[in-house]
Amino acid sequence: MKVTDILRVKGNTTYTVSPDQLLAEAMKSMSEFDVGSLVVMEHGDLVGMLTFREVISAVVECNGNVGTRHVRSVMDDAPLTCTPETNIDEVRRMMLLRHARYMPVLDHGTLMGVISFYDVAKSVVDAQDFENRMLKAYIKDWPEEDAAARPTA
């Protein structure tokens, strides 16, 4: 499975912010859109990521008042990225090693979307569920699972 498979299901809606935007405005956008990350773009290029991790650190550092701080001052300016063709197992390894919860997907410098650790975990569980159903169907007379007993997302 590849990143493109996740984006096909998830979609590629991406929320962006300018590095010169006030941090308070970016925080408001994150709250309004109910997202844990914003891609920081400047002149059409990805220059960083702003996640709730950086936001919380800034809030604590400023004793709860971010004042006139800008996104540039707190963003991760070297975010982990992948391509649509990156294998999901490689993405899992990269995210675990860097403790990254969000990863922009770039195709020759063009932002294609953002995947989260949740998206990756969900894709793995869905693939395992599909494989399990196929194996059960292969075995003759396997009892069907009660639909009410299956967990939902």
Protein backbone atom coordinates (compact mmCIF):
# COMPACT_ATOMS: atom_id res chain seq x y z
CA MET A 1 0.00 0.00 0.00
CA LYS A 2 1.21 3.50 -0.84
CA VAL A 3 0.47 7.04 0.38
CA THR A 4 -1.58 7.67 -2.75
CA ASP A 5 -4.02 4.98 -1.55
CA ILE A 6 -4.59 6.91 1.68
CA LEU A 7 -5.08 10.21 -0.15
CA ARG A 8 -7.55 8.58 -2.55
CA VAL A 9 -9.78 7.61 0.39
CA LYS A 10 -9.10 10.58 2.66
CA GLY A 11 -9.05 13.30 0.05
CA ASN A 12 -6.51 16.06 -0.25
CA THR A 13 -8.10 18.92 1.65
CA THR A 14 -5.17 20.80 3.15
CA TYR A 15 -5.09 23.85 5.38
CA THR A 16 -2.21 26.25 4.96
CA VAL A 17 -0.82 29.29 6.70
CA SER A 18 1.82 31.89 5.89
CA PRO A 19 4.96 31.99 8.04
CA ASP A 20 4.33 35.70 8.63
CA GLN A 21 0.81 35.17 9.92
CA LEU A 22 0.22 35.77 13.62
CA LEU A 23 0.33 32.59 15.67
CA ALA A 24 -2.95 33.53 17.34
CA GLU A 25 -4.66 33.65 13.91
CA ALA A 26 -3.20 30.26 12.98
CA MET A 27 -4.43 28.82 16.28
CA LYS A 28 -7.90 30.18 15.54
CA SER A 29 -7.84 28.50 12.10
CA MET A 30 -6.78 25.19 13.64
CA SER A 31 -9.70 25.43 16.05
CA GLU A 32 -12.25 26.49 13.41
CA PHE A 33 -11.24 23.72 10.99
CA ASP A 34 -10.75 21.18 13.81
CA VAL A 35 -7.29 20.19 12.52
CA GLY A 36 -4.09 19.38 14.34
CA SER A 37 -1.75 20.83 11.75
CA LEU A 38 -1.31 23.59 9.20
CA VAL A 39 1.12 23.44 6.31
CA VAL A 40 3.27 26.57 6.23
CA MET A 41 3.58 27.82 2.65
CA GLU A 42 5.55 30.75 1.26
CA HIS A 43 5.55 31.72 -2.42
CA GLY A 44 4.01 28.35 -3.30
CA ASP A 45 6.67 26.33 -1.45
CA LEU A 46 6.38 24.30 1.71
CA VAL A 47 8.56 25.96 4.34
CA GLY A 48 7.30 24.30 7.51
CA MET A 49 4.58 22.66 9.57
CA LEU A 50 2.66 24.04 12.48
CA THR A 51 1.15 21.37 14.69
CA PHE A 52 -0.50 21.43 18.08
CA ARG A 53 2.88 20.35 19.49
CA GLU A 54 4.53 23.63 18.43
CA VAL A 55 1.48 25.62 19.47
CA ILE A 56 1.41 24.13 22.97
CA SER A 57 5.15 24.73 23.40
CA ALA A 58 4.72 28.37 22.36
CA VAL A 59 1.77 28.89 24.69
CA VAL A 60 3.68 27.43 27.63
CA GLU A 61 6.79 29.44 26.77
CA CYS A 62 4.74 32.65 26.70
CA ASN A 63 2.79 31.87 29.89
CA GLY A 64 -0.44 31.51 27.95
CA ASN A 65 -0.16 34.68 25.87
CA VAL A 66 1.31 34.29 22.36
CA GLY A 67 0.95 38.02 21.76
CA THR A 68 2.36 39.10 18.41
CA ARG A 69 4.45 36.00 17.73
CA HIS A 70 4.43 34.82 14.15
CA VAL A 71 4.08 31.28 12.82
CA ARG A 72 7.69 31.42 11.56
CA SER A 73 8.98 31.72 15.13
CA VAL A 74 7.45 28.41 16.28
CA MET A 75 6.93 26.25 13.18
CA ASP A 76 8.93 23.12 12.39
CA ASP A 77 11.05 24.42 9.51
CA ALA A 78 12.30 20.96 8.51
CA PRO A 79 9.16 18.82 8.44
CA LEU A 80 9.22 15.19 7.47
CA THR A 81 7.71 14.72 3.98
CA CYS A 82 6.87 11.85 1.68
CA THR A 83 5.67 11.31 -1.89
CA PRO A 84 2.45 9.72 -3.11
CA GLU A 85 4.52 6.65 -4.05
CA THR A 86 6.06 6.17 -0.60
CA ASN A 87 5.19 2.79 0.90
CA ILE A 88 3.02 2.93 4.03
CA ASP A 89 5.47 0.76 5.99
CA GLU A 90 8.21 3.32 5.28
CA VAL A 91 5.91 6.17 6.34
CA ARG A 92 5.17 4.37 9.63
CA ARG A 93 8.88 3.93 10.30
CA MET A 94 9.66 7.57 9.49
CA MET A 95 6.80 8.89 11.64
CA LEU A 96 7.75 6.68 14.59
CA LEU A 97 11.43 7.63 14.43
CA ARG A 98 10.67 11.37 14.37
CA HIS A 99 7.58 11.23 16.61
CA ALA A 100 5.73 12.95 13.75
CA ARG A 101 1.96 12.96 13.78
CA TYR A 102 1.52 14.74 10.46
CA MET A 103 3.37 14.44 7.17
CA PRO A 104 2.96 16.60 4.07
CA VAL A 105 2.82 14.69 0.79
CA LEU A 106 4.82 16.31 -2.01
CA ASP A 107 4.90 15.32 -5.68
CA HIS A 108 7.83 17.09 -7.38
CA GLY A 109 7.48 20.02 -4.98
CA THR A 110 3.69 20.26 -5.28
CA LEU A 111 1.70 19.78 -2.07
CA MET A 112 -0.71 16.88 -2.59
CA GLY A 113 -2.11 16.66 0.94
CA VAL A 114 -1.21 15.80 4.50
CA ILE A 115 -1.46 12.40 6.12
CA SER A 116 -1.65 11.82 9.83
CA PHE A 117 -0.49 8.96 11.99
CA TYR A 118 -4.20 8.19 12.42
CA ASP A 119 -4.62 7.92 8.63
CA VAL A 120 -1.70 5.50 8.43
CA ALA A 121 -2.96 3.38 11.33
CA LYS A 122 -6.48 3.30 9.88
CA SER A 123 -5.20 2.17 6.48
CA VAL A 124 -3.26 -0.69 8.08
CA VAL A 125 -6.29 -1.82 10.12
CA ASP A 126 -8.57 -1.58 7.06
CA ALA A 127 -6.13 -3.64 4.99
CA GLN A 128 -5.92 -6.27 7.73
CA ASP A 129 -9.72 -6.39 8.03
CA PHE A 130 -10.04 -6.84 4.26
CA GLU A 131 -7.45 -9.63 4.25
CA ASN A 132 -9.21 -11.29 7.18
CA ARG A 133 -12.57 -11.19 5.36
CA MET A 134 -10.98 -12.65 2.23
CA LEU A 135 -9.36 -15.48 4.20
CA LYS A 136 -12.63 -16.27 5.95
CA ALA A 137 -14.47 -16.29 2.63
CA TYR A 138 -11.84 -18.66 1.27
CA ILE A 139 -12.43 -21.12 4.09
CA LYS A 140 -15.66 -22.93 3.36
CA ASP A 141 -18.50 -22.52 5.87
CA TRP A 142 -16.66 -20.01 8.09
CA PRO A 143 -19.22 -18.46 10.44
CA GLU A 144 -19.99 -14.82 9.67
CA GLU A 145 -19.09 -12.27 12.34
CA ASP A 146 -22.01 -10.49 13.97
CA ALA A 147 -22.11 -6.96 12.49
CA ALA A 148 -22.90 -5.48 15.92
CA ALA A 149 -19.71 -6.99 17.36
CA ARG A 150 -17.43 -5.23 14.84
CA PRO A 151 -15.78 -2.02 16.00
CA THR A 152 -16.60 1.16 14.09
CA ALA A 153 -14.37 4.11 13.30
